[in-house]
Each structure stands twice: as C-alpha cells, then as structure tokens.
Amino acid sequence: DKVQSLSYSHHTRQLISCGADGRIVVWNMDVERQETPEWLDSDSCQKCDQPFFWNFKQMWDSKKIGLRQHHCRKCGKAVCGKCSSKRSSIPLMGFEFEVRICDTCYESITDEE
C-alpha cells in the first residue's frame, strides 16, 4: 500500500510511516541493515533454466512456453514464479513486510534475519 505520511523522531531515532490502509510502522534507524543486492539480468531462470517469455530462441528450442521473470529480494537472481514461491520479511535488509524470495534463500534465512 501507499505511504501517506512520514515522521521522524530525533529523540528516539525512529521513522514512523502511515499507510493508506491505516497501518503504522515504526522503523528503528539505529539498526544496521544489509545492502540489497542488484537485480541480475538473465534470459532464463537462474535456478531451473526455464526460458522467460521474451527468450524466443530458447522457447523454440526447448518447445516450452516462456515464464514471467521475478527477482529474489535477498540474492537478486532472476527467477521464475515456481522457483520463487516463498515470501518472507527481511528486516535486516529493510523489508519489514513480506517480499518475494527464491526457495533457496527462503531455506537459508535465519532467525536474526
């Protein structure tokens, strides 16, 4: 949902956001966060090697319909929907709400993340 309002508290070093749905989130600005990875480019899924819908040559050669491309928010790999069926929040990376991640990264998430 869209953020409607932001307010920063200098005393507590917190950012407070209010969404259009009425949800209020308090962000602790003292927490060190991991930098998010750059999204990688690929003509096929970097997990199962199935072609994305614009990769006509690989679709023709493999006689398969192309898939939609997604990106894992944890590793940045280009993946298909089947290989990125999981969602998780990753507060250390700044994702307080659940985001799409690949199945491999989902299995490797620790309690600290």
PDB file of N, CA and C in Angstrom:
ATOM      1  N   ASP A   1       0.820  -1.194   0.000  1.00  0.00           N
ATOM      2  CA  ASP A   1       0.000   0.000   0.000  1.00  0.00           C
ATOM      3  C   ASP A   1       0.863   1.256   0.000  1.00  0.00           C
ATOM      4  N   LYS A   2       0.248   2.342  -0.350  1.00  0.00           N
ATOM      5  CA  LYS A   2       0.977   3.606  -0.450  1.00  0.00           C
ATOM      6  C   LYS A   2       1.205   4.218   0.920  1.00  0.00           C
ATOM      7  N   VAL A   3       2.380   4.820   1.079  1.00  0.00           N
ATOM      8  CA  VAL A   3       2.690   5.553   2.307  1.00  0.00           C
ATOM      9  C   VAL A   3       2.017   6.916   2.210  1.00  0.00           C
ATOM     10  N   GLN A   4       1.250   7.270   3.231  1.00  0.00           N
ATOM     11  CA  GLN A   4       0.533   8.542   3.249  1.00  0.00           C
ATOM     12  C   GLN A   4       1.277   9.608   4.034  1.00  0.00           C
ATOM     13  N   SER A   5       2.035   9.174   5.038  1.00  0.00           N
ATOM     14  CA  SER A   5       2.680  10.145   5.917  1.00  0.00           C
ATOM     15  C   SER A   5       3.949   9.547   6.514  1.00  0.00           C
ATOM     16  N   LEU A   6       4.957  10.417   6.700  1.00  0.00           N
ATOM     17  CA  LEU A   6       6.208  10.035   7.349  1.00  0.00           C
ATOM     18  C   LEU A   6       6.530  11.054   8.422  1.00  0.00           C
ATOM     19  N   SER A   7       7.076  10.578   9.531  1.00  0.00           N
ATOM     20  CA  SER A   7       7.523  11.476  10.596  1.00  0.00           C
ATOM     21  C   SER A   7       8.769  10.872  11.227  1.00  0.00           C
ATOM     22  N   TYR A   8       9.743  11.728  11.526  1.00  0.00           N
ATOM     23  CA  TYR A   8      10.986  11.255  12.123  1.00  0.00           C
ATOM     24  C   TYR A   8      11.111  11.811  13.529  1.00  0.00           C
ATOM     25  N   SER A   9      11.383  10.945  14.493  1.00  0.00           N
ATOM     26  CA  SER A   9      11.594  11.344  15.881  1.00  0.00           C
ATOM     27  C   SER A   9      13.094  11.399  16.153  1.00  0.00           C
ATOM     28  N   HIS A  10      13.613  12.614  16.360  1.00  0.00           N
ATOM     29  CA  HIS A  10      15.047  12.776  16.627  1.00  0.00           C
ATOM     30  C   HIS A  10      15.444  12.152  17.964  1.00  0.00           C
ATOM     31  N   HIS A  11      14.554  12.205  18.946  1.00  0.00           N
ATOM     32  CA  HIS A  11      14.874  11.709  20.291  1.00  0.00           C
ATOM     33  C   HIS A  11      15.049  10.188  20.321  1.00  0.00           C
ATOM     34  N   THR A  12      14.185   9.485  19.614  1.00  0.00           N
ATOM     35  CA  THR A  12      14.250   8.018  19.632  1.00  0.00           C
ATOM     36  C   THR A  12      14.918   7.445  18.384  1.00  0.00           C
ATOM     37  N   ARG A  13      15.254   8.301  17.420  1.00  0.00           N
ATOM     38  CA  ARG A  13      15.841   7.903  16.142  1.00  0.00           C
ATOM     39  C   ARG A  13      14.983   6.843  15.458  1.00  0.00           C
ATOM     40  N   GLN A  14      13.688   7.163  15.354  1.00  0.00           N
ATOM     41  CA  GLN A  14      12.743   6.271  14.702  1.00  0.00           C
ATOM     42  C   GLN A  14      12.006   7.022  13.594  1.00  0.00           C
ATOM     43  N   LEU A  15      11.746   6.308  12.514  1.00  0.00           N
ATOM     44  CA  LEU A  15      10.940   6.827  11.422  1.00  0.00           C
ATOM     45  C   LEU A  15       9.579   6.160  11.525  1.00  0.00           C
ATOM     46  N   ILE A  16       8.534   6.960  11.507  1.00  0.00           N
ATOM     47  CA  ILE A  16       7.178   6.435  11.638  1.00  0.00           C
ATOM     48  C   ILE A  16       6.470   6.653  10.308  1.00  0.00           C
ATOM     49  N   SER A  17       5.933   5.581   9.731  1.00  0.00           N
ATOM     50  CA  SER A  17       5.210   5.697   8.464  1.00  0.00           C
ATOM     51  C   SER A  17       3.777   5.226   8.648  1.00  0.00           C
ATOM     52  N   CYS A  18       2.879   5.894   7.938  1.00  0.00           N
ATOM     53  CA  CYS A  18       1.464   5.532   7.977  1.00  0.00           C
ATOM     54  C   CYS A  18       1.016   5.253   6.551  1.00  0.00           C
ATOM     55  N   GLY A  19       0.418   4.089   6.336  1.00  0.00           N
ATOM     56  CA  GLY A  19      -0.020   3.685   5.003  1.00  0.00           C
ATOM     57  C   GLY A  19      -1.460   4.059   4.731  1.00  0.00           C
ATOM     58  N   ALA A  20      -1.840   3.981   3.467  1.00  0.00           N
ATOM     59  CA  ALA A  20      -3.210   4.286   3.055  1.00  0.00           C
ATOM     60  C   ALA A  20      -4.209   3.336   3.709  1.00  0.00           C
ATOM     61  N   ASP A  21      -3.747   2.151   4.079  1.00  0.00           N
ATOM     62  CA  ASP A  21      -4.618   1.169   4.726  1.00  0.00           C
ATOM     63  C   ASP A  21      -4.727   1.379   6.235  1.00  0.00           C
ATOM     64  N   GLY A  22      -4.069   2.436   6.752  1.00  0.00           N
ATOM     65  CA  GLY A  22      -4.114   2.733   8.182  1.00  0.00           C
ATOM     66  C   GLY A  22      -3.020   2.067   8.987  1.00  0.00           C
ATOM     67  N   ARG A  23      -2.192   1.281   8.347  1.00  0.00           N
ATOM     68  CA  ARG A  23      -1.117   0.583   9.046  1.00  0.00           C
ATOM     69  C   ARG A  23      -0.012   1.567   9.420  1.00  0.00           C
ATOM     70  N   ILE A  24       0.425   1.496  10.659  1.00  0.00           N
ATOM     71  CA  ILE A  24       1.514   2.338  11.146  1.00  0.00           C
ATOM     72  C   ILE A  24       2.718   1.440  11.411  1.00  0.00           C
ATOM     73  N   VAL A  25       3.876   1.855  10.895  1.00  0.00           N
ATOM     74  CA  VAL A  25       5.101   1.084  11.077  1.00  0.00           C
ATOM     75  C   VAL A  25       6.151   2.000  11.674  1.00  0.00           C
ATOM     76  N   VAL A  26       6.850   1.492  12.694  1.00  0.00           N
ATOM     77  CA  VAL A  26       7.930   2.244  13.335  1.00  0.00           C
ATOM     78  C   VAL A  26       9.245   1.596  12.923  1.00  0.00           C
ATOM     79  N   TRP A  27      10.124   2.399  12.307  1.00  0.00           N
ATOM     80  CA  TRP A  27      11.406   1.924  11.811  1.00  0.00           C
ATOM     81  C   TRP A  27      12.505   2.405  12.747  1.00  0.00           C
ATOM     82  N   ASN A  28      13.281   1.489  13.284  1.00  0.00           N
ATOM     83  CA  ASN A  28      14.410   1.842  14.140  1.00  0.00           C
ATOM     84  C   ASN A  28      15.590   2.201  13.241  1.00  0.00           C
ATOM     85  N   MET A  29      15.974   3.467  13.235  1.00  0.00           N
ATOM     86  CA  MET A  29      17.027   3.933  12.332  1.00  0.00           C
ATOM     87  C   MET A  29      18.431   3.629  12.852  1.00  0.00           C
ATOM     88  N   ASP A  30      18.551   3.125  14.084  1.00  0.00           N
ATOM     89  CA  ASP A  30      19.856   2.752  14.628  1.00  0.00           C
ATOM     90  C   ASP A  30      20.316   1.374  14.155  1.00  0.00           C
ATOM     91  N   VAL A  31      19.399   0.577  13.653  1.00  0.00           N
ATOM     92  CA  VAL A  31      19.720  -0.782  13.222  1.00  0.00           C
ATOM     93  C   VAL A  31      20.551  -0.737  11.941  1.00  0.00           C
ATOM     94  N   GLU A  32      21.660  -1.476  11.930  1.00  0.00           N
ATOM     95  CA  GLU A  32      22.456  -1.590  10.710  1.00  0.00           C
ATOM     96  C   GLU A  32      21.759  -2.571   9.782  1.00  0.00           C
ATOM     97  N   ARG A  33      21.621  -2.175   8.536  1.00  0.00           N
ATOM     98  CA  ARG A  33      20.950  -3.019   7.558  1.00  0.00           C
ATOM     99  C   ARG A  33      21.931  -3.464   6.482  1.00  0.00           C
ATOM    100  N   GLN A  34      21.676  -4.649   5.949  1.00  0.00           N
ATOM    101  CA  GLN A  34      22.479  -5.159   4.834  1.00  0.00           C
ATOM    102  C   GLN A  34      22.023  -4.455   3.560  1.00  0.00           C
ATOM    103  N   GLU A  35      22.959  -4.177   2.696  1.00  0.00           N
ATOM    104  CA  GLU A  35      22.609  -3.571   1.414  1.00  0.00           C
ATOM    105  C   GLU A  35      21.891  -4.605   0.556  1.00  0.00           C
ATOM    106  N   THR A  36      20.856  -4.174  -0.141  1.00  0.00           N
ATOM    107  CA  THR A  36      20.132  -5.095  -1.011  1.00  0.00           C
ATOM    108  C   THR A  36      20.950  -5.359  -2.272  1.00  0.00           C
ATOM    109  N   PRO A  37      20.871  -6.578  -2.806  1.00  0.00           N
ATOM    110  CA  PRO A  37      21.664  -6.903  -3.997  1.00  0.00           C
ATOM    111  C   PRO A  37      21.090  -6.243  -5.249  1.00  0.00           C
ATOM    112  N   GLU A  38      21.953  -6.026  -6.232  1.00  0.00           N
ATOM    113  CA  GLU A  38      21.473  -5.554  -7.530  1.00  0.00           C
ATOM    114  C   GLU A  38      20.761  -6.708  -8.217  1.00  0.00           C
ATOM    115  N   TRP A  39      19.701  -6.377  -8.953  1.00  0.00           N
ATOM    116  CA  TRP A  39      18.981  -7.412  -9.681  1.00  0.00           C
ATOM    117  C   TRP A  39      19.786  -7.844 -10.894  1.00  0.00           C
ATOM    118  N   LEU A  40      19.931  -9.146 -11.053  1.00  0.00           N
ATOM    119  CA  LEU A  40      20.710  -9.715 -12.144  1.00  0.00           C
ATOM    120  C   LEU A  40      19.847  -9.864 -13.397  1.00  0.00           C
ATOM    121  N   ASP A  41      20.469  -9.714 -14.548  1.00  0.00           N
ATOM    122  CA  ASP A  41      19.789  -9.900 -15.831  1.00  0.00           C
ATOM    123  C   ASP A  41      19.981 -11.331 -16.304  1.00  0.00           C
ATOM    124  N   SER A  42      18.934 -11.884 -16.881  1.00  0.00           N
ATOM    125  CA  SER A  42      19.029 -13.229 -17.432  1.00  0.00           C
ATOM    126  C   SER A  42      17.867 -13.453 -18.393  1.00  0.00           C
ATOM    127  N   ASP A  43      18.087 -14.277 -19.412  1.00  0.00           N
ATOM    128  CA  ASP A  43      17.024 -14.637 -20.346  1.00  0.00           C
ATOM    129  C   ASP A  43      16.275 -15.888 -19.909  1.00  0.00           C
ATOM    130  N   SER A  44      16.779 -16.529 -18.845  1.00  0.00           N
ATOM    131  CA  SER A  44      16.122 -17.722 -18.320  1.00  0.00           C
ATOM    132  C   SER A  44      16.293 -17.746 -16.800  1.00  0.00           C
ATOM    133  N   CYS A  45      15.468 -18.533 -16.149  1.00  0.00           N
ATOM    134  CA  CYS A  45      15.511 -18.638 -14.690  1.00  0.00           C
ATOM    135  C   CYS A  45      16.895 -19.107 -14.246  1.00  0.00           C
ATOM    136  N   GLN A  46      17.463 -18.418 -13.290  1.00  0.00           N
ATOM    137  CA  GLN A  46      18.803 -18.764 -12.820  1.00  0.00           C
ATOM    138  C   GLN A  46      18.796 -19.931 -11.834  1.00  0.00           C
ATOM    139  N   LYS A  47      17.632 -20.504 -11.586  1.00  0.00           N
ATOM    140  CA  LYS A  47      17.534 -21.704 -10.744  1.00  0.00           C
ATOM    141  C   LYS A  47      17.233 -22.946 -11.589  1.00  0.00           C
ATOM    142  N   CYS A  48      16.192 -22.884 -12.437  1.00  0.00           N
ATOM    143  CA  CYS A  48      15.778 -24.077 -13.194  1.00  0.00           C
ATOM    144  C   CYS A  48      16.071 -23.977 -14.691  1.00  0.00           C
ATOM    145  N   ASP A  49      16.571 -22.853 -15.151  1.00  0.00           N
ATOM    146  CA  ASP A  49      16.967 -22.618 -16.542  1.00  0.00           C
ATOM    147  C   ASP A  49      15.800 -22.600 -17.527  1.00  0.00           C
ATOM    148  N   GLN A  50      14.563 -22.469 -17.046  1.00  0.00           N
ATOM    149  CA  GLN A  50      13.420 -22.328 -17.949  1.00  0.00           C
ATOM    150  C   GLN A  50      13.464 -20.933 -18.574  1.00  0.00           C
ATOM    151  N   PRO A  51      13.105 -20.802 -19.867  1.00  0.00           N
ATOM    152  CA  PRO A  51      13.198 -19.500 -20.535  1.00  0.00           C
ATOM    153  C   PRO A  51      12.121 -18.527 -20.045  1.00  0.00           C
ATOM    154  N   PHE A  52      12.478 -17.232 -20.042  1.00  0.00           N
ATOM    155  CA  PHE A  52      11.483 -16.196 -19.777  1.00  0.00           C
ATOM    156  C   PHE A  52      10.761 -15.893 -21.085  1.00  0.00           C
ATOM    157  N   PHE A  53       9.614 -15.258 -21.028  1.00  0.00           N
ATOM    158  CA  PHE A  53       8.721 -15.141 -22.185  1.00  0.00           C
ATOM    159  C   PHE A  53       9.308 -14.380 -23.373  1.00  0.00           C
ATOM    160  N   TRP A  54      10.352 -13.586 -23.185  1.00  0.00           N
ATOM    161  CA  TRP A  54      10.953 -12.850 -24.300  1.00  0.00           C
ATOM    162  C   TRP A  54      12.082 -13.635 -24.979  1.00  0.00           C
ATOM    163  N   ASN A  55      12.433 -14.776 -24.423  1.00  0.00           N
ATOM    164  CA  ASN A  55      13.541 -15.577 -24.946  1.00  0.00           C
ATOM    165  C   ASN A  55      13.002 -16.575 -25.989  1.00  0.00           C
ATOM    166  N   PHE A  56      12.678 -16.039 -27.182  1.00  0.00           N
ATOM    167  CA  PHE A  56      12.033 -16.858 -28.214  1.00  0.00           C
ATOM    168  C   PHE A  56      12.886 -18.041 -28.664  1.00  0.00           C
ATOM    169  N   LYS A  57      14.183 -17.833 -28.796  1.00  0.00           N
ATOM    170  CA  LYS A  57      15.049 -18.917 -29.274  1.00  0.00           C
ATOM    171  C   LYS A  57      15.029 -20.108 -28.321  1.00  0.00           C
ATOM    172  N   GLN A  58      15.224 -19.846 -27.027  1.00  0.00           N
ATOM    173  CA  GLN A  58      15.231 -20.962 -26.072  1.00  0.00           C
ATOM    174  C   GLN A  58      13.841 -21.591 -25.959  1.00  0.00           C
ATOM    175  N   MET A  59      12.778 -20.766 -26.067  1.00  0.00           N
ATOM    176  CA  MET A  59      11.424 -21.334 -26.029  1.00  0.00           C
ATOM    177  C   MET A  59      11.223 -22.275 -27.214  1.00  0.00           C
ATOM    178  N   TRP A  60      11.656 -21.846 -28.405  1.00  0.00           N
ATOM    179  CA  TRP A  60      11.508 -22.666 -29.611  1.00  0.00           C
ATOM    180  C   TRP A  60      12.336 -23.946 -29.503  1.00  0.00           C
ATOM    181  N   ASP A  61      13.595 -23.789 -29.088  1.00  0.00           N
ATOM    182  CA  ASP A  61      14.489 -24.947 -28.991  1.00  0.00           C
ATOM    183  C   ASP A  61      13.994 -25.975 -27.975  1.00  0.00           C
ATOM    184  N   SER A  62      13.465 -25.510 -26.863  1.00  0.00           N
ATOM    185  CA  SER A  62      13.017 -26.435 -25.811  1.00  0.00           C
ATOM    186  C   SER A  62      11.528 -26.763 -25.920  1.00  0.00           C
ATOM    187  N   LYS A  63      10.846 -26.125 -26.875  1.00  0.00           N
ATOM    188  CA  LYS A  63       9.399 -26.345 -27.085  1.00  0.00           C
ATOM    189  C   LYS A  63       8.608 -26.100 -25.794  1.00  0.00           C
ATOM    190  N   LYS A  64       8.955 -24.993 -25.126  1.00  0.00           N
ATOM    191  CA  LYS A  64       8.278 -24.634 -23.881  1.00  0.00           C
ATOM    192  C   LYS A  64       7.816 -23.190 -23.951  1.00  0.00           C
ATOM    193  N   ILE A  65       6.738 -22.905 -23.271  1.00  0.00           N
ATOM    194  CA  ILE A  65       6.224 -21.538 -23.173  1.00  0.00           C
ATOM    195  C   ILE A  65       7.071 -20.784 -22.154  1.00  0.00           C
ATOM    196  N   GLY A  66       7.408 -19.544 -22.486  1.00  0.00           N
ATOM    197  CA  GLY A  66       8.228 -18.730 -21.584  1.00  0.00           C
ATOM    198  C   GLY A  66       7.490 -18.338 -20.316  1.00  0.00           C
ATOM    199  N   LEU A  67       8.243 -18.094 -19.287  1.00  0.00           N
ATOM    200  CA  LEU A  67       7.708 -17.762 -17.971  1.00  0.00           C
ATOM    201  C   LEU A  67       7.931 -16.290 -17.651  1.00  0.00           C
ATOM    202  N   ARG A  68       7.217 -15.805 -16.680  1.00  0.00           N
ATOM    203  CA  ARG A  68       7.398 -14.431 -16.220  1.00  0.00           C
ATOM    204  C   ARG A  68       8.626 -14.363 -15.310  1.00  0.00           C
ATOM    205  N   GLN A  69       9.358 -13.258 -15.404  1.00  0.00           N
ATOM    206  CA  GLN A  69      10.570 -13.082 -14.593  1.00  0.00           C
ATOM    207  C   GLN A  69      10.245 -12.355 -13.295  1.00  0.00           C
ATOM    208  N   HIS A  70      10.836 -12.842 -12.208  1.00  0.00           N
ATOM    209  CA  HIS A  70      10.776 -12.194 -10.896  1.00  0.00           C
ATOM    210  C   HIS A  70      12.211 -12.062 -10.399  1.00  0.00           C
ATOM    211  N   HIS A  71      12.396 -11.314  -9.330  1.00  0.00           N
ATOM    212  CA  HIS A  71      13.730 -11.201  -8.728  1.00  0.00           C
ATOM    213  C   HIS A  71      13.644 -11.509  -7.242  1.00  0.00           C
ATOM    214  N   CYS A  72      14.570 -12.311  -6.768  1.00  0.00           N
ATOM    215  CA  CYS A  72      14.679 -12.601  -5.341  1.00  0.00           C
ATOM    216  C   CYS A  72      15.206 -11.347  -4.656  1.00  0.00           C
ATOM    217  N   ARG A  73      14.517 -10.884  -3.614  1.00  0.00           N
ATOM    218  CA  ARG A  73      14.934  -9.663  -2.919  1.00  0.00           C
ATOM    219  C   ARG A  73      16.152  -9.896  -2.031  1.00  0.00           C
ATOM    220  N   LYS A  74      16.476 -11.167  -1.760  1.00  0.00           N
ATOM    221  CA  LYS A  74      17.633 -11.456  -0.901  1.00  0.00           C
ATOM    222  C   LYS A  74      18.923 -11.622  -1.703  1.00  0.00           C
ATOM    223  N   CYS A  75      18.878 -12.366  -2.829  1.00  0.00           N
ATOM    224  CA  CYS A  75      20.104 -12.609  -3.607  1.00  0.00           C
ATOM    225  C   CYS A  75      20.141 -11.845  -4.927  1.00  0.00           C
ATOM    226  N   GLY A  76      18.996 -11.369  -5.403  1.00  0.00           N
ATOM    227  CA  GLY A  76      18.950 -10.587  -6.633  1.00  0.00           C
ATOM    228  C   GLY A  76      18.852 -11.399  -7.911  1.00  0.00           C
ATOM    229  N   LYS A  77      18.813 -12.728  -7.814  1.00  0.00           N
ATOM    230  CA  LYS A  77      18.769 -13.559  -9.019  1.00  0.00           C
ATOM    231  C   LYS A  77      17.426 -13.431  -9.736  1.00  0.00           C
ATOM    232  N   ALA A  78      17.478 -13.586 -11.067  1.00  0.00           N
ATOM    233  CA  ALA A  78      16.280 -13.608 -11.898  1.00  0.00           C
ATOM    234  C   ALA A  78      15.713 -15.021 -11.840  1.00  0.00           C
ATOM    235  N   VAL A  79      14.483 -15.148 -11.360  1.00  0.00           N
ATOM    236  CA  VAL A  79      13.890 -16.463 -11.147  1.00  0.00           C
ATOM    237  C   VAL A  79      12.443 -16.488 -11.635  1.00  0.00           C
ATOM    238  N   CYS A  80      11.952 -17.681 -11.917  1.00  0.00           N
ATOM    239  CA  CYS A  80      10.557 -17.849 -12.320  1.00  0.00           C
ATOM    240  C   CYS A  80       9.677 -17.944 -11.069  1.00  0.00           C
ATOM    241  N   GLY A  81       8.369 -17.916 -11.271  1.00  0.00           N
ATOM    242  CA  GLY A  81       7.437 -17.985 -10.149  1.00  0.00           C
ATOM    243  C   GLY A  81       7.532 -19.282  -9.363  1.00  0.00           C
ATOM    244  N   LYS A  82       7.771 -20.400 -10.069  1.00  0.00           N
ATOM    245  CA  LYS A  82       7.877 -21.699  -9.395  1.00  0.00           C
ATOM    246  C   LYS A  82       9.087 -21.743  -8.461  1.00  0.00           C
ATOM    247  N   CYS A  83      10.190 -21.104  -8.872  1.00  0.00           N
ATOM    248  CA  CYS A  83      11.420 -21.113  -8.070  1.00  0.00           C
ATOM    249  C   CYS A  83      11.463 -19.987  -7.042  1.00  0.00           C
ATOM    250  N   SER A  84      10.423 -19.158  -7.019  1.00  0.00           N
ATOM    251  CA  SER A  84      10.362 -18.073  -6.027  1.00  0.00           C
ATOM    252  C   SER A  84       8.961 -18.006  -5.438  1.00  0.00           C
ATOM    253  N   SER A  85       8.492 -19.147  -4.979  1.00  0.00           N
ATOM    254  CA  SER A  85       7.122 -19.245  -4.476  1.00  0.00           C
ATOM    255  C   SER A  85       6.982 -18.791  -3.026  1.00  0.00           C
ATOM    256  N   LYS A  86       8.077 -18.490  -2.377  1.00  0.00           N
ATOM    257  CA  LYS A  86       8.058 -18.128  -0.952  1.00  0.00           C
ATOM    258  C   LYS A  86       8.101 -16.611  -0.768  1.00  0.00           C
ATOM    259  N   ARG A  87       7.601 -16.171   0.370  1.00  0.00           N
ATOM    260  CA  ARG A  87       7.664 -14.763   0.772  1.00  0.00           C
ATOM    261  C   ARG A  87       8.108 -14.711   2.221  1.00  0.00           C
ATOM    262  N   SER A  88       8.865 -13.681   2.539  1.00  0.00           N
ATOM    263  CA  SER A  88       9.331 -13.511   3.910  1.00  0.00           C
ATOM    264  C   SER A  88       9.702 -12.057   4.133  1.00  0.00           C
ATOM    265  N   SER A  89       9.573 -11.612   5.360  1.00  0.00           N
ATOM    266  CA  SER A  89      10.110 -10.295   5.708  1.00  0.00           C
ATOM    267  C   SER A  89      11.604 -10.480   5.988  1.00  0.00           C
ATOM    268  N   ILE A  90      12.390  -9.453   5.659  1.00  0.00           N
ATOM    269  CA  ILE A  90      13.834  -9.491   5.916  1.00  0.00           C
ATOM    270  C   ILE A  90      14.213  -8.135   6.505  1.00  0.00           C
ATOM    271  N   PRO A  91      13.910  -7.911   7.792  1.00  0.00           N
ATOM    272  CA  PRO A  91      14.153  -6.601   8.407  1.00  0.00           C
ATOM    273  C   PRO A  91      15.591  -6.110   8.301  1.00  0.00           C
ATOM    274  N   LEU A  92      16.571  -7.017   8.341  1.00  0.00           N
ATOM    275  CA  LEU A  92      17.969  -6.589   8.229  1.00  0.00           C
ATOM    276  C   LEU A  92      18.286  -5.952   6.878  1.00  0.00           C
ATOM    277  N   MET A  93      17.453  -6.218   5.885  1.00  0.00           N
ATOM    278  CA  MET A  93      17.650  -5.618   4.566  1.00  0.00           C
ATOM    279  C   MET A  93      16.662  -4.476   4.329  1.00  0.00           C
ATOM    280  N   GLY A  94      15.850  -4.168   5.336  1.00  0.00           N
ATOM    281  CA  GLY A  94      14.882  -3.086   5.203  1.00  0.00           C
ATOM    282  C   GLY A  94      13.520  -3.531   4.709  1.00  0.00           C
ATOM    283  N   PHE A  95      13.288  -4.833   4.576  1.00  0.00           N
ATOM    284  CA  PHE A  95      11.997  -5.353   4.136  1.00  0.00           C
ATOM    285  C   PHE A  95      11.189  -5.766   5.367  1.00  0.00           C
ATOM    286  N   GLU A  96      10.431  -4.836   5.904  1.00  0.00           N
ATOM    287  CA  GLU A  96       9.628  -5.106   7.094  1.00  0.00           C
ATOM    288  C   GLU A  96       8.400  -5.947   6.756  1.00  0.00           C
ATOM    289  N   PHE A  97       7.939  -5.851   5.512  1.00  0.00           N
ATOM    290  CA  PHE A  97       6.797  -6.632   5.054  1.00  0.00           C
ATOM    291  C   PHE A  97       7.312  -7.773   4.189  1.00  0.00           C
ATOM    292  N   GLU A  98       6.497  -8.800   4.020  1.00  0.00           N
ATOM    293  CA  GLU A  98       6.917  -9.962   3.242  1.00  0.00           C
ATOM    294  C   GLU A  98       7.163  -9.587   1.783  1.00  0.00           C
ATOM    295  N   VAL A  99       8.280 -10.080   1.248  1.00  0.00           N
ATOM    296  CA  VAL A  99       8.657  -9.859  -0.147  1.00  0.00           C
ATOM    297  C   VAL A  99       8.989 -11.200  -0.792  1.00  0.00           C
ATOM    298  N   ARG A 100       9.003 -11.222  -2.119  1.00  0.00           N
ATOM    299  CA  ARG A 100       9.303 -12.450  -2.862  1.00  0.00           C
ATOM    300  C   ARG A 100      10.784 -12.799  -2.709  1.00  0.00           C
ATOM    301  N   ILE A 101      11.044 -14.050  -2.367  1.00  0.00           N
ATOM    302  CA  ILE A 101      12.425 -14.548  -2.325  1.00  0.00           C
ATOM    303  C   ILE A 101      12.444 -15.934  -2.963  1.00  0.00           C
ATOM    304  N   CYS A 102      13.604 -16.307  -3.487  1.00  0.00           N
ATOM    305  CA  CYS A 102      13.706 -17.631  -4.114  1.00  0.00           C
ATOM    306  C   CYS A 102      13.660 -18.707  -3.024  1.00  0.00           C
ATOM    307  N   ASP A 103      13.312 -19.905  -3.441  1.00  0.00           N
ATOM    308  CA  ASP A 103      13.166 -21.009  -2.485  1.00  0.00           C
ATOM    309  C   ASP A 103      14.477 -21.319  -1.772  1.00  0.00           C
ATOM    310  N   THR A 104      15.613 -21.165  -2.466  1.00  0.00           N
ATOM    311  CA  THR A 104      16.921 -21.427  -1.856  1.00  0.00           C
ATOM    312  C   THR A 104      17.191 -20.443  -0.726  1.00  0.00           C
ATOM    313  N   CYS A 105      16.957 -19.152  -0.976  1.00  0.00           N
ATOM    314  CA  CYS A 105      17.184 -18.139   0.065  1.00  0.00           C
ATOM    315  C   CYS A 105      16.211 -18.319   1.226  1.00  0.00           C
ATOM    316  N   TYR A 106      14.980 -18.741   0.927  1.00  0.00           N
ATOM    317  CA  TYR A 106      13.994 -18.965   1.982  1.00  0.00           C
ATOM    318  C   TYR A 106      14.496 -20.022   2.966  1.00  0.00           C
ATOM    319  N   GLU A 107      15.107 -21.072   2.437  1.00  0.00           N
ATOM    320  CA  GLU A 107      15.627 -22.146   3.291  1.00  0.00           C
ATOM    321  C   GLU A 107      16.816 -21.689   4.124  1.00  0.00           C
ATOM    322  N   SER A 108      17.523 -20.644   3.667  1.00  0.00           N
ATOM    323  CA  SER A 108      18.733 -20.204   4.367  1.00  0.00           C
ATOM    324  C   SER A 108      18.496 -19.042   5.332  1.00  0.00           C
ATOM    325  N   ILE A 109      17.271 -18.538   5.400  1.00  0.00           N
ATOM    326  CA  ILE A 109      17.000 -17.399   6.287  1.00  0.00           C
ATOM    327  C   ILE A 109      17.116 -17.847   7.741  1.00  0.00           C
ATOM    328  N   THR A 110      17.804 -17.033   8.528  1.00  0.00           N
ATOM    329  CA  THR A 110      17.988 -17.335   9.950  1.00  0.00           C
ATOM    330  C   THR A 110      17.037 -16.486  10.784  1.00  0.00           C
ATOM    331  N   ASP A 111      16.927 -16.797  12.065  1.00  0.00           N
ATOM    332  CA  ASP A 111      16.057 -16.042  12.963  1.00  0.00           C
ATOM    333  C   ASP A 111      16.486 -14.584  13.079  1.00  0.00           C
ATOM    334  N   GLU A 112      17.800 -14.310  12.976  1.00  0.00           N
ATOM    335  CA  GLU A 112      18.285 -12.931  13.078  1.00  0.00           C
ATOM    336  C   GLU A 112      17.807 -12.095  11.907  1.00  0.00           C
ATOM    337  N   GLU A 113      17.631 -12.744  10.752  1.00  0.00           N
ATOM    338  CA  GLU A 113      17.209 -12.008   9.562  1.00  0.00           C
ATOM    339  C   GLU A 113      15.731 -11.704   9.645  1.00  0.00           C
TER     340      GLU A 113
END
